[in-house]
Amino acid sequence: MKKGRDIEVRQIAVFQKNEITEHYIYKNLSTRVRGVKNRRILFQIADDELRHYNVWKTYTQRDVKPSRIKIWFYTIVSLVFGFTFGIKLMENGEISAHNSYSRIPESIKEINGIIRDEEEHEQALITLLDEDRLKYTGSIVLGLNDALVELMGVLAGLTFALQNTSLVALTAAITGVAAALSMAASGYLSTKSDPGGKNPFVAALYTGIAYIITVLLLITPYLFLSDLYICLGLAFFAAVIIIGFFNYYISVARNLPFKSRFLEMVGLSFTVAALSFLAGYAIRYAFGIVI
């Protein structure tokens, strides 16, 4: 009996640590988000987490220190990638906690109230989805997707057509900057003609920046390496990483499926790249160009 009781107390201590850790995370975020409503909701959730901690404390009869690493990690993630993404990422981790709660003896009556609070947290967090970076997700997708599809095709074609890493990097950079400005202008006009409450200039900025960043990441291997095919392989690898990261971000922040969107975007980018590669090969030999 004593052994079973010790295991139960250790399990409850884990829940207690999670609650105090999340209390500090929500408390930190409540001082950093914009809007009185957002701050009030996060502060209320922080109070609920502290109350849960005190409930568990009545069973363990001891204080538990929070995880400083988790506090640091989720605070930094929320500040860099947006509080919506950071909170959703953390809330997704609570699913396993909910499953663990079901294994707690029914004698702990407070468990139902804690589970109800956790569910209410998720509902309250839905009302927080009012961030500029999520409002302009469509603009980011426009710049990112277009840059990946177009530039991977350009890099593949130029790799065979020019046979020189410096020339490939220079040509791709010029093409990329021109295309980024064009896409930003298109994003501006598209947003301006669509009354959705978004700022056309900000939409154009997100589109252009997403395009430029993608261009820089894809041409970087050509600036430092001399082997054309290693450069192209690294550019492909970078494209997969970019697609994976962005789709993971959207899947967490928007509760959208990851795998299907990721595979669709990878398939489209690589199909265009393969066709461009073949076109570059054909053009090089059709015109007898040797560089």
Protein backbone atom coordinates (compact mmCIF):
# COMPACT_ATOMS: atom_id res chain seq x y z
CA MET A 1 0.00 0.00 0.00
CA LYS A 2 2.78 2.39 0.95
CA LYS A 3 4.56 1.73 -2.37
CA GLY A 4 1.37 2.44 -4.33
CA ARG A 5 0.84 5.62 -2.34
CA ASP A 6 4.41 6.76 -3.10
CA ILE A 7 3.87 6.23 -6.83
CA GLU A 8 0.61 8.19 -6.68
CA VAL A 9 2.29 11.10 -4.87
CA ARG A 10 5.15 11.18 -7.39
CA GLN A 11 2.63 11.25 -10.24
CA ILE A 12 0.71 14.09 -8.62
CA ALA A 13 3.99 15.96 -8.07
CA VAL A 14 4.55 15.86 -11.84
CA PHE A 15 1.12 17.45 -12.40
CA GLN A 16 1.93 19.98 -9.69
CA LYS A 17 5.19 20.93 -11.46
CA ASN A 18 3.40 21.30 -14.81
CA GLU A 19 0.77 23.60 -13.29
CA ILE A 20 3.24 25.96 -11.59
CA THR A 21 5.37 26.03 -14.75
CA GLU A 22 2.38 26.99 -16.91
CA HIS A 23 1.33 29.55 -14.31
CA TYR A 24 4.60 31.43 -14.83
CA ILE A 25 4.46 31.06 -18.61
CA TYR A 26 0.95 32.53 -18.83
CA LYS A 27 1.86 35.22 -16.32
CA ASN A 28 4.91 36.24 -18.40
CA LEU A 29 2.88 36.32 -21.60
CA SER A 30 0.06 38.34 -19.99
CA THR A 31 2.50 41.23 -19.50
CA ARG A 32 3.70 41.10 -23.11
CA VAL A 33 0.61 40.66 -25.31
CA ARG A 34 -1.27 43.56 -26.82
CA GLY A 35 -4.82 44.39 -25.84
CA VAL A 36 -6.51 44.56 -22.47
CA LYS A 37 -8.78 41.61 -23.31
CA ASN A 38 -5.86 39.37 -24.24
CA ARG A 39 -3.95 40.29 -21.08
CA ARG A 40 -7.00 39.70 -18.88
CA ILE A 41 -7.65 36.23 -20.32
CA LEU A 42 -4.01 35.13 -19.99
CA PHE A 43 -3.80 36.48 -16.44
CA GLN A 44 -7.00 34.59 -15.53
CA ILE A 45 -5.56 31.36 -16.94
CA ALA A 46 -2.36 31.96 -14.97
CA ASP A 47 -4.47 32.26 -11.80
CA ASP A 48 -6.29 29.00 -12.64
CA GLU A 49 -2.98 27.19 -13.10
CA LEU A 50 -1.82 28.44 -9.70
CA ARG A 51 -5.06 27.23 -8.13
CA HIS A 52 -4.53 23.80 -9.70
CA TYR A 53 -1.01 23.78 -8.28
CA ASN A 54 -2.36 24.45 -4.79
CA VAL A 55 -4.92 21.63 -5.19
CA TRP A 56 -2.16 19.15 -5.98
CA LYS A 57 -0.10 20.56 -3.13
CA THR A 58 -2.74 19.43 -0.63
CA TYR A 59 -1.93 15.85 -1.66
CA THR A 60 1.87 16.07 -1.93
CA GLN A 61 2.23 18.35 1.11
CA ARG A 62 5.24 20.08 -0.40
CA ASP A 63 6.23 22.87 -2.76
CA VAL A 64 7.49 22.04 -6.23
CA LYS A 65 9.73 24.30 -8.29
CA PRO A 66 8.70 25.16 -11.87
CA SER A 67 10.70 24.07 -14.89
CA ARG A 68 12.82 27.10 -15.73
CA ILE A 69 13.76 25.59 -19.08
CA LYS A 70 10.10 25.29 -20.14
CA ILE A 71 9.34 28.81 -18.94
CA TRP A 72 12.26 30.16 -20.92
CA PHE A 73 11.49 28.04 -24.00
CA TYR A 74 7.78 28.84 -24.35
CA THR A 75 8.29 32.52 -23.50
CA ILE A 76 10.99 32.89 -26.16
CA VAL A 77 8.98 30.89 -28.73
CA SER A 78 5.93 33.07 -28.07
CA LEU A 79 7.91 36.30 -28.42
CA VAL A 80 9.64 35.21 -31.63
CA PHE A 81 6.83 33.35 -33.41
CA GLY A 82 3.79 34.93 -31.76
CA PHE A 83 1.92 34.18 -28.56
CA THR A 84 -0.77 32.24 -30.46
CA PHE A 85 1.77 29.73 -31.75
CA GLY A 86 3.55 29.49 -28.40
CA ILE A 87 0.35 28.95 -26.43
CA LYS A 88 -1.06 26.44 -28.92
CA LEU A 89 2.21 24.53 -28.84
CA MET A 90 2.07 24.37 -25.07
CA GLU A 91 -1.63 23.47 -25.01
CA ASN A 92 -0.97 20.59 -27.42
CA GLY A 93 1.44 19.25 -24.84
CA GLU A 94 -1.35 19.23 -22.26
CA ILE A 95 -3.18 16.47 -24.17
CA SER A 96 -0.88 13.91 -22.61
CA ALA A 97 -1.60 15.45 -19.20
CA HIS A 98 -5.34 14.98 -19.77
CA ASN A 99 -4.72 11.31 -20.55
CA SER A 100 -2.69 10.96 -17.36
CA TYR A 101 -5.46 12.54 -15.31
CA SER A 102 -7.73 9.62 -16.24
CA ARG A 103 -5.43 7.27 -14.34
CA ILE A 104 -5.77 9.18 -11.07
CA PRO A 105 -7.96 7.48 -8.44
CA GLU A 106 -11.56 8.70 -8.28
CA SER A 107 -11.00 9.57 -4.62
CA ILE A 108 -9.35 12.79 -5.82
CA LYS A 109 -12.58 14.64 -6.51
CA GLU A 110 -10.94 17.85 -7.73
CA ILE A 111 -9.77 16.16 -10.94
CA ASN A 112 -13.06 16.80 -12.78
CA GLY A 113 -12.86 20.51 -11.96
CA ILE A 114 -9.26 20.70 -13.19
CA ILE A 115 -10.14 18.95 -16.46
CA ARG A 116 -13.05 21.36 -16.94
CA ASP A 117 -10.74 24.32 -16.37
CA GLU A 118 -8.28 22.97 -18.95
CA GLU A 119 -11.07 22.65 -21.53
CA GLU A 120 -12.21 26.20 -20.76
CA HIS A 121 -8.63 27.37 -21.32
CA GLU A 122 -8.71 26.02 -24.85
CA GLN A 123 -12.01 27.78 -25.56
CA ALA A 124 -10.72 31.04 -24.10
CA LEU A 125 -7.53 30.80 -26.16
CA ILE A 126 -9.56 30.69 -29.38
CA THR A 127 -10.65 34.27 -28.69
CA LEU A 128 -6.98 35.29 -28.53
CA LEU A 129 -6.33 34.54 -32.20
CA ASP A 130 -6.00 38.18 -33.18
CA GLU A 131 -2.38 38.60 -34.22
CA ASP A 132 -1.11 40.47 -37.23
CA ARG A 133 1.23 37.66 -38.21
CA LEU A 134 -1.76 35.28 -38.37
CA LYS A 135 -4.00 37.82 -40.08
CA TYR A 136 -1.42 38.05 -42.83
CA THR A 137 -0.74 34.33 -43.12
CA GLY A 138 -2.16 34.40 -46.63
CA SER A 139 0.37 37.06 -47.61
CA ILE A 140 3.23 35.03 -46.15
CA VAL A 141 2.01 31.91 -47.97
CA LEU A 142 1.88 33.89 -51.23
CA GLY A 143 5.49 35.04 -50.90
CA LEU A 144 6.85 31.78 -49.51
CA ASN A 145 5.11 29.42 -51.91
CA ASP A 146 5.81 31.54 -54.97
CA ALA A 147 9.48 31.92 -54.04
CA LEU A 148 9.92 28.20 -53.43
CA VAL A 149 8.19 27.13 -56.63
CA GLU A 150 9.74 29.76 -58.89
CA LEU A 151 13.23 29.89 -57.44
CA MET A 152 13.67 26.13 -57.15
CA GLY A 153 12.76 25.97 -60.82
CA VAL A 154 15.16 28.82 -61.64
CA LEU A 155 18.02 27.26 -59.65
CA ALA A 156 17.50 23.84 -61.24
CA GLY A 157 17.40 25.30 -64.74
CA LEU A 158 20.38 27.64 -64.22
CA THR A 159 22.46 24.89 -62.63
CA PHE A 160 22.48 22.94 -65.87
CA ALA A 161 22.38 25.95 -68.22
CA LEU A 162 25.22 28.01 -66.71
CA GLN A 163 27.45 25.41 -64.99
CA ASN A 164 28.96 28.07 -62.70
CA THR A 165 27.96 28.59 -59.06
CA SER A 166 28.73 32.32 -59.01
CA LEU A 167 26.70 32.95 -62.15
CA VAL A 168 23.84 30.83 -60.84
CA ALA A 169 23.82 32.74 -57.52
CA LEU A 170 23.99 36.15 -59.25
CA THR A 171 21.27 35.35 -61.79
CA ALA A 172 19.00 33.75 -59.19
CA ALA A 173 19.47 36.69 -56.80
CA ILE A 174 18.56 39.24 -59.47
CA THR A 175 15.58 37.14 -60.52
CA GLY A 176 14.52 36.67 -56.91
CA VAL A 177 14.67 40.36 -55.95
CA ALA A 178 12.73 41.38 -59.06
CA ALA A 179 10.14 38.68 -58.40
CA ALA A 180 9.87 39.69 -54.72
CA LEU A 181 9.11 43.30 -55.66
CA SER A 182 6.59 42.10 -58.23
CA MET A 183 4.89 39.79 -55.73
CA ALA A 184 4.81 42.53 -53.08
CA ALA A 185 3.12 44.87 -55.55
CA SER A 186 0.62 42.15 -56.47
CA GLY A 187 -0.06 41.51 -52.78
CA TYR A 188 -0.66 45.22 -52.21
CA LEU A 189 -3.14 45.52 -55.08
CA SER A 190 -4.88 42.25 -54.17
CA THR A 191 -5.34 43.25 -50.52
CA LYS A 192 -6.47 46.76 -51.45
CA SER A 193 -9.19 45.42 -53.75
CA ASP A 194 -10.38 42.92 -51.14
CA PRO A 195 -12.03 44.70 -48.15
CA GLY A 196 -11.00 42.31 -45.39
CA GLY A 197 -9.72 44.74 -42.79
CA LYS A 198 -6.07 44.14 -43.65
CA ASN A 199 -3.54 46.88 -44.37
CA PRO A 200 -2.40 46.58 -48.03
CA PHE A 201 1.06 47.93 -47.23
CA VAL A 202 1.59 45.45 -44.38
CA ALA A 203 0.33 42.61 -46.59
CA ALA A 204 2.80 43.61 -49.32
CA LEU A 205 5.59 43.81 -46.72
CA TYR A 206 4.91 40.29 -45.43
CA THR A 207 4.80 38.92 -48.98
CA GLY A 208 8.03 40.64 -50.02
CA ILE A 209 9.95 39.72 -46.86
CA ALA A 210 8.87 36.07 -47.05
CA TYR A 211 10.04 35.97 -50.68
CA ILE A 212 13.41 37.65 -50.01
CA ILE A 213 14.22 35.43 -47.01
CA THR A 214 13.43 32.33 -49.06
CA VAL A 215 15.64 33.56 -51.92
CA LEU A 216 18.58 34.20 -49.56
CA LEU A 217 18.30 30.77 -47.95
CA LEU A 218 18.12 28.93 -51.29
CA ILE A 219 21.07 30.69 -53.00
CA THR A 220 23.38 30.58 -49.95
CA PRO A 221 25.04 27.24 -50.93
CA TYR A 222 25.97 28.70 -54.32
CA LEU A 223 27.83 31.54 -52.60
CA PHE A 224 30.14 29.30 -50.57
CA LEU A 225 30.52 26.03 -52.47
CA SER A 226 31.86 25.23 -55.94
CA ASP A 227 30.15 21.91 -56.70
CA LEU A 228 26.96 22.72 -58.61
CA TYR A 229 25.08 19.57 -57.71
CA ILE A 230 25.92 19.71 -54.03
CA CYS A 231 24.64 23.30 -54.08
CA LEU A 232 21.44 22.23 -55.79
CA GLY A 233 20.99 19.38 -53.33
CA LEU A 234 21.47 21.73 -50.36
CA ALA A 235 19.01 24.19 -51.91
CA PHE A 236 16.47 21.37 -52.20
CA PHE A 237 17.13 20.38 -48.60
CA ALA A 238 16.68 24.01 -47.46
CA ALA A 239 13.39 24.17 -49.39
CA VAL A 240 12.08 21.07 -47.59
CA ILE A 241 13.09 22.52 -44.20
CA ILE A 242 11.37 25.85 -45.00
CA ILE A 243 8.21 24.09 -46.18
CA GLY A 244 8.22 21.81 -43.15
CA PHE A 245 8.73 24.60 -40.63
CA PHE A 246 6.12 26.90 -42.12
CA ASN A 247 3.49 24.18 -42.43
CA TYR A 248 4.17 23.04 -38.87
CA TYR A 249 3.73 26.64 -37.71
CA ILE A 250 0.40 26.94 -39.52
CA SER A 251 -0.79 23.51 -38.38
CA VAL A 252 -0.20 24.44 -34.73
CA ALA A 253 -1.47 28.03 -34.85
CA ARG A 254 -4.48 27.31 -37.06
CA ASN A 255 -5.25 23.69 -36.07
CA LEU A 256 -4.79 22.56 -39.68
CA PRO A 257 -3.48 19.18 -40.92
CA PHE A 258 0.29 19.13 -41.38
CA LYS A 259 1.09 16.09 -43.50
CA SER A 260 -1.21 16.72 -46.47
CA ARG A 261 -0.27 20.40 -46.76
CA PHE A 262 3.45 19.62 -46.43
CA LEU A 263 3.42 16.87 -49.07
CA GLU A 264 1.37 19.00 -51.47
CA MET A 265 3.77 21.94 -51.22
CA VAL A 266 6.88 19.75 -51.50
CA GLY A 267 5.42 17.90 -54.49
CA LEU A 268 4.55 21.11 -56.31
CA SER A 269 7.94 22.73 -55.68
CA PHE A 270 9.94 19.69 -56.74
CA THR A 271 7.83 19.01 -59.83
CA VAL A 272 8.45 22.53 -61.11
CA ALA A 273 12.15 22.20 -60.21
CA ALA A 274 12.45 18.90 -62.11
CA LEU A 275 10.77 20.32 -65.21
CA SER A 276 13.00 23.41 -65.08
CA PHE A 277 16.07 21.21 -64.65
CA LEU A 278 15.17 19.31 -67.81
CA ALA A 279 14.43 22.57 -69.63
CA GLY A 280 17.84 23.97 -68.64
CA TYR A 281 19.52 20.77 -69.85
CA ALA A 282 17.68 20.91 -73.17
CA ILE A 283 18.33 24.62 -73.76
CA ARG A 284 22.02 24.28 -72.97
CA TYR A 285 22.56 21.59 -75.56
CA ALA A 286 20.09 22.95 -78.10
CA PHE A 287 21.96 26.24 -78.29
CA GLY A 288 25.39 24.73 -77.68
CA ILE A 289 26.04 27.00 -74.70
CA VAL A 290 29.16 26.09 -72.74
CA ILE A 291 30.22 28.30 -69.80
